[in-house]
Amino acid sequence: MTHRRQDPDVCGVTAAIAVIEGKWKTTLLWLLESGPHRPAELRRRVPGLTEKVLTQALREMEADGLVDRRVHDVLPPKTEYSLTAFGRDLAGALAPLADWGHRRLDRMTATARPVP
């Protein structure tokens, strides 16, 4: 069975969403837009994200070509993750969706305000 991330016969939007699905990947993509981060930095910046889930998400993102894992040859070992050019392309493609999401949140806030 072909996973929908690799199925050439699915809608392009479905294929893109399959790469970022999950609770943390879009947040990690957003954080990595600002530059390379060590795993411990990412965990501190995302409350509730466990080391196991972070490792799994980063491995999947690396396999999908979105992030690059760089291990520095020092003791103790230092690992950094950064966006690849392909990952930056995805972040750019998601920017209009993020803008739409913020407009939606603004609308929800405006309609939730009590009328004086």
Protein backbone atom coordinates (compact mmCIF):
# COMPACT_ATOMS: atom_id res chain seq x y z
CA MET A 1 0.00 0.00 0.00
CA THR A 2 1.33 3.45 -0.97
CA HIS A 3 1.28 6.09 1.74
CA ARG A 4 -0.56 9.21 0.64
CA ARG A 5 2.63 11.27 1.04
CA GLN A 6 4.05 9.22 -1.82
CA ASP A 7 0.92 8.54 -3.90
CA PRO A 8 1.12 10.44 -7.22
CA ASP A 9 -2.65 10.05 -7.71
CA VAL A 10 -3.77 12.23 -4.78
CA CYS A 11 -4.71 15.88 -4.81
CA GLY A 12 -1.68 18.16 -4.40
CA VAL A 13 -3.18 19.78 -1.31
CA THR A 14 -3.68 16.35 0.23
CA ALA A 15 -0.05 15.47 -0.53
CA ALA A 16 1.14 18.72 1.07
CA ILE A 17 -1.03 18.30 4.16
CA ALA A 18 0.23 14.73 4.58
CA VAL A 19 3.76 16.14 5.00
CA ILE A 20 2.73 18.61 7.73
CA GLU A 21 -0.02 16.66 9.44
CA GLY A 22 0.27 16.13 13.14
CA LYS A 23 0.18 18.41 16.12
CA TRP A 24 3.73 19.78 16.02
CA LYS A 25 5.13 19.91 12.48
CA THR A 26 3.76 23.31 11.51
CA THR A 27 5.04 24.77 14.79
CA LEU A 28 8.47 23.24 14.20
CA LEU A 29 8.48 24.55 10.63
CA TRP A 30 7.61 28.02 11.92
CA LEU A 31 10.36 27.92 14.57
CA LEU A 32 12.99 26.67 12.14
CA GLU A 33 12.21 29.55 9.76
CA SER A 34 14.21 31.79 12.10
CA GLY A 35 17.34 29.63 11.72
CA PRO A 36 18.97 26.45 13.02
CA HIS A 37 17.88 25.11 16.40
CA ARG A 38 19.12 22.39 18.68
CA PRO A 39 16.52 19.82 19.77
CA ALA A 40 16.58 21.02 23.39
CA GLU A 41 15.86 24.59 22.22
CA LEU A 42 12.86 23.38 20.23
CA ARG A 43 11.51 21.45 23.23
CA ARG A 44 11.83 24.51 25.48
CA ARG A 45 9.99 26.66 22.95
CA VAL A 46 7.10 24.20 22.54
CA PRO A 47 5.46 23.34 25.88
CA GLY A 48 3.99 19.85 25.90
CA LEU A 49 6.27 18.50 23.17
CA THR A 50 8.04 15.38 24.41
CA GLU A 51 11.53 14.37 23.34
CA LYS A 52 10.16 11.20 21.71
CA VAL A 53 7.55 13.04 19.65
CA LEU A 54 10.04 15.79 18.71
CA THR A 55 12.53 13.19 17.48
CA GLN A 56 9.84 11.40 15.49
CA ALA A 57 8.57 14.63 13.90
CA LEU A 58 12.08 15.82 13.00
CA ARG A 59 12.95 12.43 11.48
CA GLU A 60 9.78 12.48 9.37
CA MET A 61 10.47 16.06 8.30
CA GLU A 62 14.05 15.09 7.42
CA ALA A 63 12.82 12.09 5.39
CA ASP A 64 10.42 14.42 3.54
CA GLY A 65 13.29 16.76 2.69
CA LEU A 66 12.03 19.66 4.83
CA VAL A 67 14.79 19.79 7.43
CA ASP A 68 18.49 19.14 7.49
CA ARG A 69 20.13 17.48 10.48
CA ARG A 70 23.68 18.60 11.15
CA VAL A 71 25.85 16.87 13.75
CA HIS A 72 28.90 18.90 14.79
CA ASP A 73 32.06 16.95 15.58
CA VAL A 74 32.48 18.16 19.17
CA LEU A 75 32.16 16.61 22.61
CA PRO A 76 29.49 16.38 23.76
CA PRO A 77 27.88 15.95 20.33
CA LYS A 78 25.93 18.96 19.11
CA THR A 79 23.02 18.46 16.72
CA GLU A 80 21.19 21.25 14.92
CA TYR A 81 18.17 21.20 12.65
CA SER A 82 17.50 23.76 9.95
CA LEU A 83 15.11 24.13 7.04
CA THR A 84 16.22 22.96 3.63
CA ALA A 85 15.40 25.02 0.54
CA PHE A 86 12.43 22.67 0.05
CA GLY A 87 11.32 23.34 3.63
CA ARG A 88 11.58 27.10 3.07
CA ASP A 89 9.47 26.68 -0.07
CA LEU A 90 6.81 24.94 2.01
CA ALA A 91 6.95 27.64 4.69
CA GLY A 92 6.46 30.27 1.98
CA ALA A 93 3.53 28.34 0.52
CA LEU A 94 1.92 28.12 3.98
CA ALA A 95 2.28 31.87 4.68
CA PRO A 96 -1.01 32.81 2.92
CA LEU A 97 -2.77 30.02 4.83
CA ALA A 98 -1.34 31.37 8.09
CA ASP A 99 -2.60 34.85 7.17
CA TRP A 100 -6.05 33.42 6.51
CA GLY A 101 -5.95 31.64 9.87
CA HIS A 102 -5.11 34.88 11.68
CA ARG A 103 -7.99 36.66 9.90
CA ARG A 104 -10.29 33.83 11.00
CA LEU A 105 -9.14 34.18 14.61
CA ASP A 106 -9.71 37.94 14.42
CA ARG A 107 -13.26 37.34 13.13
CA MET A 108 -13.96 34.85 15.90
CA THR A 109 -12.70 37.31 18.49
CA ALA A 110 -14.77 40.13 16.99
CA THR A 111 -17.98 38.07 17.00
CA ALA A 112 -17.35 36.85 20.55
CA ARG A 113 -17.19 40.38 21.97
CA PRO A 114 -20.30 41.40 23.89
CA VAL A 115 -22.31 44.21 22.36
CA PRO A 116 -22.28 47.31 24.64
